[in-house]
Amino acid sequence: MKYLFPKPVGFIRDDHSVYVDIKNVSGKYRSILMDCGNNHTLTTKEFINIGTVLISHAHIDHIIGFDNILRMNLREDKKITFTGPAPISDIIMHKLRGYTWNLIYDSKFEVQVWDIHPRTIKKYLLKCKEAFAKKHFIGSIKNTNPIINNEFYSCSIIRLEHDIPTIGYVLREHNRVKIDKNKLHNYGLPKGQWLKNLKKKKFEQSDTITHNSKTFLLKNLYDDLIINEHGYKICYITDTILNNNLEKKIIKFAQGSDELYCEATFMHNEIDLAKKYYHLTAKQTGELAKKAKVKKLYLIHFSLRYANPNQILNEAKRIFPQTFIPRFSGTCHITRKV
């Protein structure tokens, strides 16, 4: 069963993010926002469903949408977790304390922030009912991948090379183990707990199952009946230059992604400008996608110097044909306060 459903956020010439809807999972506030750009194309429902925001870095075009998330969730009984390179907690706290708060002292809304350091991740909590006046330290974990891991998906990070600390993200559903129902039917074997144990490989090499006077070795049934499906993988890379070492790391990080969302800020004939501002060219992005053997590449983060983004698309597409400009919305949905 698929859980991760991504879509781009913002207009085509805008500060982009990627909204990942989490479906087929019970509970509220499970959606994820990858980066926090100009998110005015999200609906009220989508804003309220956000439970996690993965920030690459704190340049204005990657955090300008914070206030929209705050405004649309302020009356919700929930906690939103923001992750990003340290000191993202200080940056978010300053944004929260930039307001004179009133009518919030019965609020249950909270903001949790993860400062990602090279070796550790420090977690802090800010409470709306305290007017976000205090940053509560709530613990730390080792900075090892995955940094988030639940029963449905994991989140891993990579340190990129920008003029300030910057992070790329991968969301990946866990691999799924399925039973080939047609083969099970052909064997004439019944369903039951034994199939759950088979999927989890909970059996000894000599274990058997007997049905209708026929005996089957479980290890043989495992080899014949089990289908392993790779979980859906979404990779997000923006605001970086390349060197040989980092290029290899990004290729490994993005390897086999179903969808790679990657900046293509400049044309390759302006690579010196791209290096000056710590960005990728469309050609470099296409080469990364090709070497990482991703299924689809979606280009984001275009320089405003190019009137027609299709010239960026065509440059990447010559390297990697399965390259697309996402279908960006043209509608602003922030039409009422919450």
C-alpha atoms as a PDB file:
ATOM      1  CA  MET A   1       0.000   0.000   0.000  1.00  0.00           C
ATOM      2  CA  LYS A   2       1.346   3.424  -0.962  1.00  0.00           C
ATOM      3  CA  TYR A   3       1.576   6.130   1.700  1.00  0.00           C
ATOM      4  CA  LEU A   4       3.565   9.047   0.234  1.00  0.00           C
ATOM      5  CA  PHE A   5       1.881  11.326  -2.318  1.00  0.00           C
ATOM      6  CA  PRO A   6       4.006  14.399  -3.200  1.00  0.00           C
ATOM      7  CA  LYS A   7       3.035  17.563  -5.038  1.00  0.00           C
ATOM      8  CA  PRO A   8       4.887  20.855  -5.688  1.00  0.00           C
ATOM      9  CA  VAL A   9       3.917  23.999  -3.797  1.00  0.00           C
ATOM     10  CA  GLY A  10       4.032  27.570  -5.090  1.00  0.00           C
ATOM     11  CA  PHE A  11       3.719  29.145  -8.509  1.00  0.00           C
ATOM     12  CA  ILE A  12       6.128  28.189 -11.293  1.00  0.00           C
ATOM     13  CA  ARG A  13       8.341  31.251 -10.713  1.00  0.00           C
ATOM     14  CA  ASP A  14       8.207  31.133  -6.932  1.00  0.00           C
ATOM     15  CA  ASP A  15       9.900  29.926  -3.747  1.00  0.00           C
ATOM     16  CA  HIS A  16       9.166  26.223  -4.041  1.00  0.00           C
ATOM     17  CA  SER A  17       8.337  23.497  -1.520  1.00  0.00           C
ATOM     18  CA  VAL A  18       7.051  19.939  -1.845  1.00  0.00           C
ATOM     19  CA  TYR A  19       3.936  18.884   0.071  1.00  0.00           C
ATOM     20  CA  VAL A  20       3.781  15.165   0.826  1.00  0.00           C
ATOM     21  CA  ASP A  21       0.311  13.938   1.670  1.00  0.00           C
ATOM     22  CA  ILE A  22       0.308  10.845   3.876  1.00  0.00           C
ATOM     23  CA  LYS A  23      -2.571   8.580   2.873  1.00  0.00           C
ATOM     24  CA  ASN A  24      -3.866   5.169   3.976  1.00  0.00           C
ATOM     25  CA  VAL A  25      -2.744   5.929   7.537  1.00  0.00           C
ATOM     26  CA  SER A  26      -5.100   6.619  10.439  1.00  0.00           C
ATOM     27  CA  GLY A  27      -4.799   9.791  12.482  1.00  0.00           C
ATOM     28  CA  LYS A  28      -4.502  13.510  11.798  1.00  0.00           C
ATOM     29  CA  TYR A  29      -1.645  15.925  11.182  1.00  0.00           C
ATOM     30  CA  ARG A  30       0.527  13.455   9.315  1.00  0.00           C
ATOM     31  CA  SER A  31       1.427  15.372   6.159  1.00  0.00           C
ATOM     32  CA  ILE A  32       4.963  16.584   5.500  1.00  0.00           C
ATOM     33  CA  LEU A  33       6.215  19.808   3.919  1.00  0.00           C
ATOM     34  CA  MET A  34       9.696  19.647   2.383  1.00  0.00           C
ATOM     35  CA  ASP A  35      11.005  23.199   2.735  1.00  0.00           C
ATOM     36  CA  CYS A  36       8.949  26.201   3.710  1.00  0.00           C
ATOM     37  CA  GLY A  37       8.803  28.467   0.665  1.00  0.00           C
ATOM     38  CA  ASN A  38       5.888  30.543  -0.561  1.00  0.00           C
ATOM     39  CA  ASN A  39       3.152  28.025   0.295  1.00  0.00           C
ATOM     40  CA  HIS A  40       0.082  30.069  -0.608  1.00  0.00           C
ATOM     41  CA  THR A  41      -1.107  27.392  -3.044  1.00  0.00           C
ATOM     42  CA  LEU A  42      -1.881  24.978  -0.193  1.00  0.00           C
ATOM     43  CA  THR A  43      -5.497  24.644   0.883  1.00  0.00           C
ATOM     44  CA  THR A  44      -6.681  25.229   4.438  1.00  0.00           C
ATOM     45  CA  LYS A  45      -7.091  21.477   4.893  1.00  0.00           C
ATOM     46  CA  GLU A  46      -3.549  20.838   3.686  1.00  0.00           C
ATOM     47  CA  PHE A  47      -2.136  23.457   6.041  1.00  0.00           C
ATOM     48  CA  ILE A  48      -3.950  21.906   8.985  1.00  0.00           C
ATOM     49  CA  ASN A  49      -2.798  18.391   8.031  1.00  0.00           C
ATOM     50  CA  ILE A  50       0.880  19.379   8.237  1.00  0.00           C
ATOM     51  CA  GLY A  51       2.662  17.594  11.082  1.00  0.00           C
ATOM     52  CA  THR A  52       6.297  17.881   9.981  1.00  0.00           C
ATOM     53  CA  VAL A  53       8.257  20.542   8.082  1.00  0.00           C
ATOM     54  CA  LEU A  54      11.693  19.577   6.736  1.00  0.00           C
ATOM     55  CA  ILE A  55      13.667  22.789   6.175  1.00  0.00           C
ATOM     56  CA  SER A  56      16.783  22.694   3.988  1.00  0.00           C
ATOM     57  CA  HIS A  57      18.230  25.983   5.277  1.00  0.00           C
ATOM     58  CA  ALA A  58      17.129  29.366   6.552  1.00  0.00           C
ATOM     59  CA  HIS A  59      17.524  31.624   3.524  1.00  0.00           C
ATOM     60  CA  ILE A  60      14.348  33.660   3.099  1.00  0.00           C
ATOM     61  CA  ASP A  61      13.082  31.760   0.056  1.00  0.00           C
ATOM     62  CA  HIS A  62      13.098  28.523   2.063  1.00  0.00           C
ATOM     63  CA  ILE A  63      11.400  29.757   5.232  1.00  0.00           C
ATOM     64  CA  ILE A  64       9.167  32.614   4.064  1.00  0.00           C
ATOM     65  CA  GLY A  65       6.079  30.385   4.371  1.00  0.00           C
ATOM     66  CA  PHE A  66       6.507  29.832   8.121  1.00  0.00           C
ATOM     67  CA  ASP A  67       4.005  32.515   9.088  1.00  0.00           C
ATOM     68  CA  ASN A  68       1.291  30.994   6.899  1.00  0.00           C
ATOM     69  CA  ILE A  69       1.731  27.633   8.636  1.00  0.00           C
ATOM     70  CA  LEU A  70       1.636  29.357  12.022  1.00  0.00           C
ATOM     71  CA  ARG A  71      -1.481  31.393  11.218  1.00  0.00           C
ATOM     72  CA  MET A  72      -3.429  28.459   9.821  1.00  0.00           C
ATOM     73  CA  ASN A  73      -2.618  26.145  12.746  1.00  0.00           C
ATOM     74  CA  LEU A  74      -2.651  28.478  15.733  1.00  0.00           C
ATOM     75  CA  ARG A  75      -6.019  27.267  17.017  1.00  0.00           C
ATOM     76  CA  GLU A  76      -5.306  23.582  16.482  1.00  0.00           C
ATOM     77  CA  ASP A  77      -4.687  21.145  19.335  1.00  0.00           C
ATOM     78  CA  LYS A  78      -1.491  19.840  17.786  1.00  0.00           C
ATOM     79  CA  LYS A  79       2.278  19.966  17.585  1.00  0.00           C
ATOM     80  CA  ILE A  80       4.235  20.659  14.405  1.00  0.00           C
ATOM     81  CA  THR A  81       7.840  19.483  14.185  1.00  0.00           C
ATOM     82  CA  PHE A  82      10.329  21.600  12.221  1.00  0.00           C
ATOM     83  CA  THR A  83      13.731  20.128  11.342  1.00  0.00           C
ATOM     84  CA  GLY A  84      16.684  21.979   9.888  1.00  0.00           C
ATOM     85  CA  PRO A  85      20.366  22.809  10.241  1.00  0.00           C
ATOM     86  CA  ALA A  86      21.300  24.329  13.590  1.00  0.00           C
ATOM     87  CA  PRO A  87      20.514  26.967  14.762  1.00  0.00           C
ATOM     88  CA  ILE A  88      17.060  26.629  13.163  1.00  0.00           C
ATOM     89  CA  SER A  89      15.507  26.624  16.657  1.00  0.00           C
ATOM     90  CA  ASP A  90      16.848  30.138  17.338  1.00  0.00           C
ATOM     91  CA  ILE A  91      15.597  31.372  13.964  1.00  0.00           C
ATOM     92  CA  ILE A  92      12.096  29.973  14.532  1.00  0.00           C
ATOM     93  CA  MET A  93      12.006  31.252  18.101  1.00  0.00           C
ATOM     94  CA  HIS A  94      12.865  34.765  16.908  1.00  0.00           C
ATOM     95  CA  LYS A  95      10.098  34.572  14.310  1.00  0.00           C
ATOM     96  CA  LEU A  96       7.594  33.459  16.947  1.00  0.00           C
ATOM     97  CA  ARG A  97       8.674  36.186  19.363  1.00  0.00           C
ATOM     98  CA  GLY A  98       8.358  38.829  16.663  1.00  0.00           C
ATOM     99  CA  TYR A  99       4.671  39.126  17.536  1.00  0.00           C
ATOM    100  CA  THR A 100       2.873  40.615  20.519  1.00  0.00           C
ATOM    101  CA  TRP A 101       0.683  37.686  21.518  1.00  0.00           C
ATOM    102  CA  ASN A 102      -2.845  37.891  22.863  1.00  0.00           C
ATOM    103  CA  LEU A 103      -5.810  35.509  23.146  1.00  0.00           C
ATOM    104  CA  ILE A 104      -3.533  32.468  23.097  1.00  0.00           C
ATOM    105  CA  TYR A 105      -3.146  31.453  26.731  1.00  0.00           C
ATOM    106  CA  ASP A 106      -5.619  28.579  26.484  1.00  0.00           C
ATOM    107  CA  SER A 107      -4.020  27.343  23.239  1.00  0.00           C
ATOM    108  CA  LYS A 108      -2.651  23.802  23.038  1.00  0.00           C
ATOM    109  CA  PHE A 109      -0.641  24.483  19.895  1.00  0.00           C
ATOM    110  CA  GLU A 110       3.079  23.692  20.186  1.00  0.00           C
ATOM    111  CA  VAL A 111       6.129  23.904  17.953  1.00  0.00           C
ATOM    112  CA  GLN A 112       8.889  21.327  18.234  1.00  0.00           C
ATOM    113  CA  VAL A 113      12.198  22.176  16.561  1.00  0.00           C
ATOM    114  CA  TRP A 114      15.093  19.846  15.773  1.00  0.00           C
ATOM    115  CA  ASP A 115      18.498  21.495  15.476  1.00  0.00           C
ATOM    116  CA  ILE A 116      20.535  19.227  13.206  1.00  0.00           C
ATOM    117  CA  HIS A 117      24.225  19.395  14.135  1.00  0.00           C
ATOM    118  CA  PRO A 118      26.929  17.320  12.406  1.00  0.00           C
ATOM    119  CA  ARG A 119      26.858  14.609  15.089  1.00  0.00           C
ATOM    120  CA  THR A 120      23.714  15.228  17.151  1.00  0.00           C
ATOM    121  CA  ILE A 121      20.142  16.427  16.792  1.00  0.00           C
ATOM    122  CA  LYS A 122      18.923  18.598  19.661  1.00  0.00           C
ATOM    123  CA  LYS A 123      15.183  18.885  20.231  1.00  0.00           C
ATOM    124  CA  TYR A 124      13.328  21.887  21.651  1.00  0.00           C
ATOM    125  CA  LEU A 125       9.687  22.684  22.428  1.00  0.00           C
ATOM    126  CA  LEU A 126       7.969  26.070  22.248  1.00  0.00           C
ATOM    127  CA  LYS A 127       4.462  26.462  23.650  1.00  0.00           C
ATOM    128  CA  CYS A 128       1.834  28.840  22.350  1.00  0.00           C
ATOM    129  CA  LYS A 129       0.249  29.219  25.821  1.00  0.00           C
ATOM    130  CA  GLU A 130       3.579  30.632  27.020  1.00  0.00           C
ATOM    131  CA  ALA A 131       3.611  33.104  24.115  1.00  0.00           C
ATOM    132  CA  PHE A 132       6.577  31.067  22.820  1.00  0.00           C
ATOM    133  CA  ALA A 133       8.720  32.872  25.392  1.00  0.00           C
ATOM    134  CA  LYS A 134      10.824  29.908  26.433  1.00  0.00           C
ATOM    135  CA  LYS A 135      12.691  27.262  24.460  1.00  0.00           C
ATOM    136  CA  HIS A 136      12.410  23.974  26.383  1.00  0.00           C
ATOM    137  CA  PHE A 137      15.211  21.501  25.724  1.00  0.00           C
ATOM    138  CA  ILE A 138      13.569  18.070  25.516  1.00  0.00           C
ATOM    139  CA  GLY A 139      16.489  15.824  24.563  1.00  0.00           C
ATOM    140  CA  SER A 140      18.935  14.861  21.851  1.00  0.00           C
ATOM    141  CA  ILE A 141      19.602  11.928  19.553  1.00  0.00           C
ATOM    142  CA  LYS A 142      22.560  10.887  17.426  1.00  0.00           C
ATOM    143  CA  ASN A 143      22.601  12.308  13.928  1.00  0.00           C
ATOM    144  CA  THR A 144      22.404   8.999  12.097  1.00  0.00           C
ATOM    145  CA  ASN A 145      20.093   8.021   9.256  1.00  0.00           C
ATOM    146  CA  PRO A 146      17.225   7.646   9.326  1.00  0.00           C
ATOM    147  CA  ILE A 147      16.431  10.573  11.610  1.00  0.00           C
ATOM    148  CA  ILE A 148      12.711   9.689  11.487  1.00  0.00           C
ATOM    149  CA  ASN A 149      11.512   6.115  11.322  1.00  0.00           C
ATOM    150  CA  ASN A 150       7.962   4.886  11.879  1.00  0.00           C
ATOM    151  CA  GLU A 151       6.033   1.853  10.734  1.00  0.00           C
ATOM    152  CA  PHE A 152       5.187   3.446   7.374  1.00  0.00           C
ATOM    153  CA  TYR A 153       8.225   5.420   6.180  1.00  0.00           C
ATOM    154  CA  SER A 154      11.628   6.824   7.126  1.00  0.00           C
ATOM    155  CA  CYS A 155      13.346  10.171   6.628  1.00  0.00           C
ATOM    156  CA  SER A 156      17.076  10.475   5.962  1.00  0.00           C
ATOM    157  CA  ILE A 157      19.291  13.525   5.452  1.00  0.00           C
ATOM    158  CA  ILE A 158      22.426  14.565   3.592  1.00  0.00           C
ATOM    159  CA  ARG A 159      24.659  17.550   4.292  1.00  0.00           C
ATOM    160  CA  LEU A 160      24.956  19.728   1.163  1.00  0.00           C
ATOM    161  CA  GLU A 161      27.454  22.432   0.176  1.00  0.00           C
ATOM    162  CA  HIS A 162      25.936  25.934   0.228  1.00  0.00           C
ATOM    163  CA  ASP A 163      27.141  29.230   1.697  1.00  0.00           C
ATOM    164  CA  ILE A 164      25.356  28.285   4.929  1.00  0.00           C
ATOM    165  CA  PRO A 165      24.636  24.796   6.354  1.00  0.00           C
ATOM    166  CA  THR A 166      22.063  23.114   4.105  1.00  0.00           C
ATOM    167  CA  ILE A 167      20.385  19.709   4.182  1.00  0.00           C
ATOM    168  CA  GLY A 168      18.768  17.470   1.578  1.00  0.00           C
ATOM    169  CA  TYR A 169      16.075  14.954   2.480  1.00  0.00           C
ATOM    170  CA  VAL A 170      14.818  11.529   1.429  1.00  0.00           C
ATOM    171  CA  LEU A 171      11.427  10.138   2.382  1.00  0.00           C
ATOM    172  CA  ARG A 172      11.077   6.440   1.733  1.00  0.00           C
ATOM    173  CA  GLU A 173       8.291   4.000   2.408  1.00  0.00           C
ATOM    174  CA  HIS A 174       9.442   0.771   3.974  1.00  0.00           C
ATOM    175  CA  ASN A 175       9.820  -2.147   1.596  1.00  0.00           C
ATOM    176  CA  ARG A 176       6.684  -4.241   1.456  1.00  0.00           C
ATOM    177  CA  VAL A 177       6.468  -8.026   1.641  1.00  0.00           C
ATOM    178  CA  LYS A 178       3.468  -9.510  -0.166  1.00  0.00           C
ATOM    179  CA  ILE A 179       2.101 -12.967  -0.851  1.00  0.00           C
ATOM    180  CA  ASP A 180       1.570 -14.055  -4.452  1.00  0.00           C
ATOM    181  CA  LYS A 181      -2.131 -14.897  -4.128  1.00  0.00           C
ATOM    182  CA  ASN A 182      -2.315 -16.751  -7.434  1.00  0.00           C
ATOM    183  CA  LYS A 183       0.496 -19.101  -6.464  1.00  0.00           C
ATOM    184  CA  LEU A 184      -1.013 -19.574  -3.003  1.00  0.00           C
ATOM    185  CA  HIS A 185      -4.289 -20.583  -4.674  1.00  0.00           C
ATOM    186  CA  ASN A 186      -2.454 -23.016  -6.959  1.00  0.00           C
ATOM    187  CA  TYR A 187      -0.839 -24.668  -3.948  1.00  0.00           C
ATOM    188  CA  GLY A 188      -4.290 -25.067  -2.416  1.00  0.00           C
ATOM    189  CA  LEU A 189      -2.982 -23.713   0.884  1.00  0.00           C
ATOM    190  CA  PRO A 190      -5.224 -21.851   3.361  1.00  0.00           C
ATOM    191  CA  LYS A 191      -4.731 -18.325   4.679  1.00  0.00           C
ATOM    192  CA  GLY A 192      -3.907 -17.830   8.342  1.00  0.00           C
ATOM    193  CA  GLN A 193      -1.287 -16.852  10.889  1.00  0.00           C
ATOM    194  CA  TRP A 194       1.298 -19.035   9.176  1.00  0.00           C
ATOM    195  CA  LEU A 195       1.347 -16.589   6.244  1.00  0.00           C
ATOM    196  CA  LYS A 196       2.157 -13.672   8.577  1.00  0.00           C
ATOM    197  CA  ASN A 197       5.032 -15.701  10.004  1.00  0.00           C
ATOM    198  CA  LEU A 198       6.144 -16.600   6.486  1.00  0.00           C
ATOM    199  CA  LYS A 199       6.229 -12.917   5.471  1.00  0.00           C
ATOM    200  CA  LYS A 200       8.329 -12.101   8.538  1.00  0.00           C
ATOM    201  CA  LYS A 201      10.545 -15.146   7.871  1.00  0.00           C
ATOM    202  CA  LYS A 202       9.690 -16.554  11.298  1.00  0.00           C
ATOM    203  CA  PHE A 203      10.532 -20.186  10.666  1.00  0.00           C
ATOM    204  CA  GLU A 204      13.421 -22.627  10.911  1.00  0.00           C
ATOM    205  CA  GLN A 205      15.045 -24.089   7.814  1.00  0.00           C
ATOM    206  CA  SER A 206      13.440 -27.485   8.453  1.00  0.00           C
ATOM    207  CA  ASP A 207       9.910 -26.214   9.344  1.00  0.00           C
ATOM    208  CA  THR A 208       7.016 -27.520   7.268  1.00  0.00           C
ATOM    209  CA  ILE A 209       3.277 -27.052   6.828  1.00  0.00           C
ATOM    210  CA  THR A 210       0.894 -29.892   6.044  1.00  0.00           C
ATOM    211  CA  HIS A 211      -2.455 -29.439   4.321  1.00  0.00           C
ATOM    212  CA  ASN A 212      -4.682 -32.054   2.663  1.00  0.00           C
ATOM    213  CA  SER A 213      -2.039 -34.712   3.284  1.00  0.00           C
ATOM    214  CA  LYS A 214       0.596 -32.682   1.473  1.00  0.00           C
ATOM    215  CA  THR A 215       3.684 -31.380   3.275  1.00  0.00           C
ATOM    216  CA  PHE A 216       5.573 -28.280   2.173  1.00  0.00           C
ATOM    217  CA  LEU A 217       8.914 -26.942   3.348  1.00  0.00           C
ATOM    218  CA  LEU A 218       8.393 -23.333   4.512  1.00  0.00           C
ATOM    219  CA  LYS A 219      11.704 -22.106   3.156  1.00  0.00           C
ATOM    220  CA  ASN A 220      10.659 -23.317  -0.314  1.00  0.00           C
ATOM    221  CA  LEU A 221       7.266 -21.635   0.027  1.00  0.00           C
ATOM    222  CA  TYR A 222       9.008 -18.417   1.073  1.00  0.00           C
ATOM    223  CA  ASP A 223      11.140 -18.453  -2.082  1.00  0.00           C
ATOM    224  CA  ASP A 224       8.120 -19.121  -4.301  1.00  0.00           C
ATOM    225  CA  LEU A 225       5.318 -17.104  -2.672  1.00  0.00           C
ATOM    226  CA  ILE A 226       6.996 -13.977  -1.328  1.00  0.00           C
ATOM    227  CA  ILE A 227       7.084 -10.783  -3.406  1.00  0.00           C
ATOM    228  CA  ASN A 228       9.373  -7.992  -2.169  1.00  0.00           C
ATOM    229  CA  GLU A 229       8.324  -4.507  -3.295  1.00  0.00           C
ATOM    230  CA  HIS A 230      10.553  -1.485  -2.832  1.00  0.00           C
ATOM    231  CA  GLY A 231       8.898   1.355  -0.956  1.00  0.00           C
ATOM    232  CA  TYR A 232       8.223   4.635  -2.774  1.00  0.00           C
ATOM    233  CA  LYS A 233      11.186   7.008  -2.501  1.00  0.00           C
ATOM    234  CA  ILE A 234      11.140  10.814  -2.756  1.00  0.00           C
ATOM    235  CA  CYS A 235      14.383  12.795  -2.759  1.00  0.00           C
ATOM    236  CA  TYR A 236      14.682  16.576  -2.279  1.00  0.00           C
ATOM    237  CA  ILE A 237      17.937  18.370  -3.131  1.00  0.00           C
ATOM    238  CA  THR A 238      18.327  22.134  -3.369  1.00  0.00           C
ATOM    239  CA  ASP A 239      20.910  24.893  -2.925  1.00  0.00           C
ATOM    240  CA  THR A 240      24.240  23.171  -3.361  1.00  0.00           C
ATOM    241  CA  ILE A 241      27.319  23.108  -5.521  1.00  0.00           C
ATOM    242  CA  LEU A 242      29.115  19.901  -6.469  1.00  0.00           C
ATOM    243  CA  ASN A 243      32.540  18.496  -5.863  1.00  0.00           C
ATOM    244  CA  ASN A 244      33.609  14.928  -6.625  1.00  0.00           C
ATOM    245  CA  ASN A 245      33.001  13.685  -3.100  1.00  0.00           C
ATOM    246  CA  LEU A 246      29.612  15.351  -2.641  1.00  0.00           C
ATOM    247  CA  GLU A 247      28.445  14.294  -6.106  1.00  0.00           C
ATOM    248  CA  LYS A 248      29.094  10.656  -5.195  1.00  0.00           C
ATOM    249  CA  LYS A 249      27.234  11.086  -1.906  1.00  0.00           C
ATOM    250  CA  ILE A 250      24.194  12.684  -3.572  1.00  0.00           C
ATOM    251  CA  ILE A 251      24.063   9.951  -6.231  1.00  0.00           C
ATOM    252  CA  LYS A 252      24.104   7.288  -3.520  1.00  0.00           C
ATOM    253  CA  PHE A 253      21.546   9.226  -1.451  1.00  0.00           C
ATOM    254  CA  ALA A 254      19.122   9.661  -4.363  1.00  0.00           C
ATOM    255  CA  GLN A 255      19.773   6.210  -5.878  1.00  0.00           C
ATOM    256  CA  GLY A 256      16.642   4.656  -7.356  1.00  0.00           C
ATOM    257  CA  SER A 257      14.310   7.448  -6.237  1.00  0.00           C
ATOM    258  CA  ASP A 258      10.845   7.301  -7.737  1.00  0.00           C
ATOM    259  CA  GLU A 259      10.789  11.110  -7.715  1.00  0.00           C
ATOM    260  CA  LEU A 260      13.765  13.453  -7.420  1.00  0.00           C
ATOM    261  CA  TYR A 261      12.916  17.107  -6.792  1.00  0.00           C
ATOM    262  CA  CYS A 262      16.102  19.021  -7.497  1.00  0.00           C
ATOM    263  CA  GLU A 263      17.064  22.604  -8.139  1.00  0.00           C
ATOM    264  CA  ALA A 264      18.079  23.632 -11.644  1.00  0.00           C
ATOM    265  CA  THR A 265      18.797  27.266 -10.940  1.00  0.00           C
ATOM    266  CA  PHE A 266      21.090  28.194 -13.840  1.00  0.00           C
ATOM    267  CA  MET A 267      21.846  27.193 -17.411  1.00  0.00           C
ATOM    268  CA  HIS A 268      25.183  25.442 -17.799  1.00  0.00           C
ATOM    269  CA  ASN A 269      26.676  28.274 -19.886  1.00  0.00           C
ATOM    270  CA  GLU A 270      26.521  30.278 -16.652  1.00  0.00           C
ATOM    271  CA  ILE A 271      28.157  27.658 -14.433  1.00  0.00           C
ATOM    272  CA  ASP A 272      30.570  30.251 -13.032  1.00  0.00           C
ATOM    273  CA  LEU A 273      27.572  32.197 -11.779  1.00  0.00           C
ATOM    274  CA  ALA A 274      26.054  28.991 -10.400  1.00  0.00           C
ATOM    275  CA  LYS A 275      29.258  28.285  -8.458  1.00  0.00           C
ATOM    276  CA  LYS A 276      29.405  31.855  -7.182  1.00  0.00           C
ATOM    277  CA  TYR A 277      25.938  31.539  -5.669  1.00  0.00           C
ATOM    278  CA  TYR A 278      26.298  27.866  -4.667  1.00  0.00           C
ATOM    279  CA  HIS A 279      23.705  26.436  -7.063  1.00  0.00           C
ATOM    280  CA  LEU A 280      23.369  23.727  -9.704  1.00  0.00           C
ATOM    281  CA  THR A 281      22.910  24.065 -13.432  1.00  0.00           C
ATOM    282  CA  ALA A 282      20.212  22.174 -15.310  1.00  0.00           C
ATOM    283  CA  LYS A 283      22.866  20.016 -16.960  1.00  0.00           C
ATOM    284  CA  GLN A 284      24.375  19.054 -13.584  1.00  0.00           C
ATOM    285  CA  THR A 285      20.918  18.182 -12.262  1.00  0.00           C
ATOM    286  CA  GLY A 286      20.205  15.987 -15.288  1.00  0.00           C
ATOM    287  CA  GLU A 287      23.528  14.192 -14.804  1.00  0.00           C
ATOM    288  CA  LEU A 288      22.776  13.563 -11.121  1.00  0.00           C
ATOM    289  CA  ALA A 289      19.398  12.043 -12.028  1.00  0.00           C
ATOM    290  CA  LYS A 290      20.956   9.866 -14.717  1.00  0.00           C
ATOM    291  CA  LYS A 291      23.759   8.564 -12.488  1.00  0.00           C
ATOM    292  CA  ALA A 292      21.360   7.981  -9.569  1.00  0.00           C
ATOM    293  CA  LYS A 293      19.014   6.043 -11.890  1.00  0.00           C
ATOM    294  CA  VAL A 294      15.935   7.831 -10.618  1.00  0.00           C
ATOM    295  CA  LYS A 295      12.605   7.223 -12.303  1.00  0.00           C
ATOM    296  CA  LYS A 296      11.496  10.854 -12.659  1.00  0.00           C
ATOM    297  CA  LEU A 297      13.271  14.179 -12.186  1.00  0.00           C
ATOM    298  CA  TYR A 298      11.257  17.286 -11.295  1.00  0.00           C
ATOM    299  CA  LEU A 299      13.024  20.631 -11.637  1.00  0.00           C
ATOM    300  CA  ILE A 300      12.525  23.391  -9.055  1.00  0.00           C
ATOM    301  CA  HIS A 301      14.166  26.631  -7.900  1.00  0.00           C
ATOM    302  CA  PHE A 302      14.678  28.491 -11.193  1.00  0.00           C
ATOM    303  CA  SER A 303      16.592  31.745 -11.372  1.00  0.00           C
ATOM    304  CA  LEU A 304      14.335  34.662 -12.301  1.00  0.00           C
ATOM    305  CA  ARG A 305      16.901  35.693 -14.923  1.00  0.00           C
ATOM    306  CA  TYR A 306      15.294  33.142 -17.293  1.00  0.00           C
ATOM    307  CA  ALA A 307      11.971  34.294 -18.713  1.00  0.00           C
ATOM    308  CA  ASN A 308      11.139  30.828 -20.027  1.00  0.00           C
ATOM    309  CA  PRO A 309      11.794  27.864 -17.683  1.00  0.00           C
ATOM    310  CA  ASN A 310      11.438  25.521 -20.678  1.00  0.00           C
ATOM    311  CA  GLN A 311      15.004  26.338 -21.713  1.00  0.00           C
ATOM    312  CA  ILE A 312      16.124  24.988 -18.332  1.00  0.00           C
ATOM    313  CA  LEU A 313      13.914  21.934 -18.827  1.00  0.00           C
ATOM    314  CA  ASN A 314      15.336  21.237 -22.295  1.00  0.00           C
ATOM    315  CA  GLU A 315      18.933  21.385 -21.047  1.00  0.00           C
ATOM    316  CA  ALA A 316      18.270  18.802 -18.310  1.00  0.00           C
ATOM    317  CA  LYS A 317      16.098  16.697 -20.607  1.00  0.00           C
ATOM    318  CA  ARG A 318      18.932  16.257 -23.097  1.00  0.00           C
ATOM    319  CA  ILE A 319      20.831  14.444 -20.340  1.00  0.00           C
ATOM    320  CA  PHE A 320      17.900  12.715 -18.634  1.00  0.00           C
ATOM    321  CA  PRO A 321      14.751  12.353 -20.784  1.00  0.00           C
ATOM    322  CA  GLN A 322      12.420  11.658 -17.835  1.00  0.00           C
ATOM    323  CA  THR A 323      12.747  15.253 -16.663  1.00  0.00           C
ATOM    324  CA  PHE A 324       9.729  17.437 -16.015  1.00  0.00           C
ATOM    325  CA  ILE A 325       8.701  20.807 -14.670  1.00  0.00           C
ATOM    326  CA  PRO A 326       6.072  19.995 -12.037  1.00  0.00           C
ATOM    327  CA  ARG A 327       2.475  21.065 -12.555  1.00  0.00           C
ATOM    328  CA  PHE A 328       2.469  24.096 -10.294  1.00  0.00           C
ATOM    329  CA  SER A 329      -0.815  25.549  -9.132  1.00  0.00           C
ATOM    330  CA  GLY A 330      -1.906  28.977 -10.270  1.00  0.00           C
ATOM    331  CA  THR A 331      -4.307  29.548  -7.401  1.00  0.00           C
ATOM    332  CA  CYS A 332      -3.703  31.202  -4.039  1.00  0.00           C
ATOM    333  CA  HIS A 333      -5.834  29.412  -1.443  1.00  0.00           C
ATOM    334  CA  ILE A 334      -5.109  31.595   1.590  1.00  0.00           C
ATOM    335  CA  THR A 335      -8.412  33.408   1.481  1.00  0.00           C
ATOM    336  CA  ARG A 336      -9.508  33.288   5.115  1.00  0.00           C
ATOM    337  CA  LYS A 337      -7.974  33.304   8.527  1.00  0.00           C
ATOM    338  CA  VAL A 338      -8.353  30.398  10.921  1.00  0.00           C
END
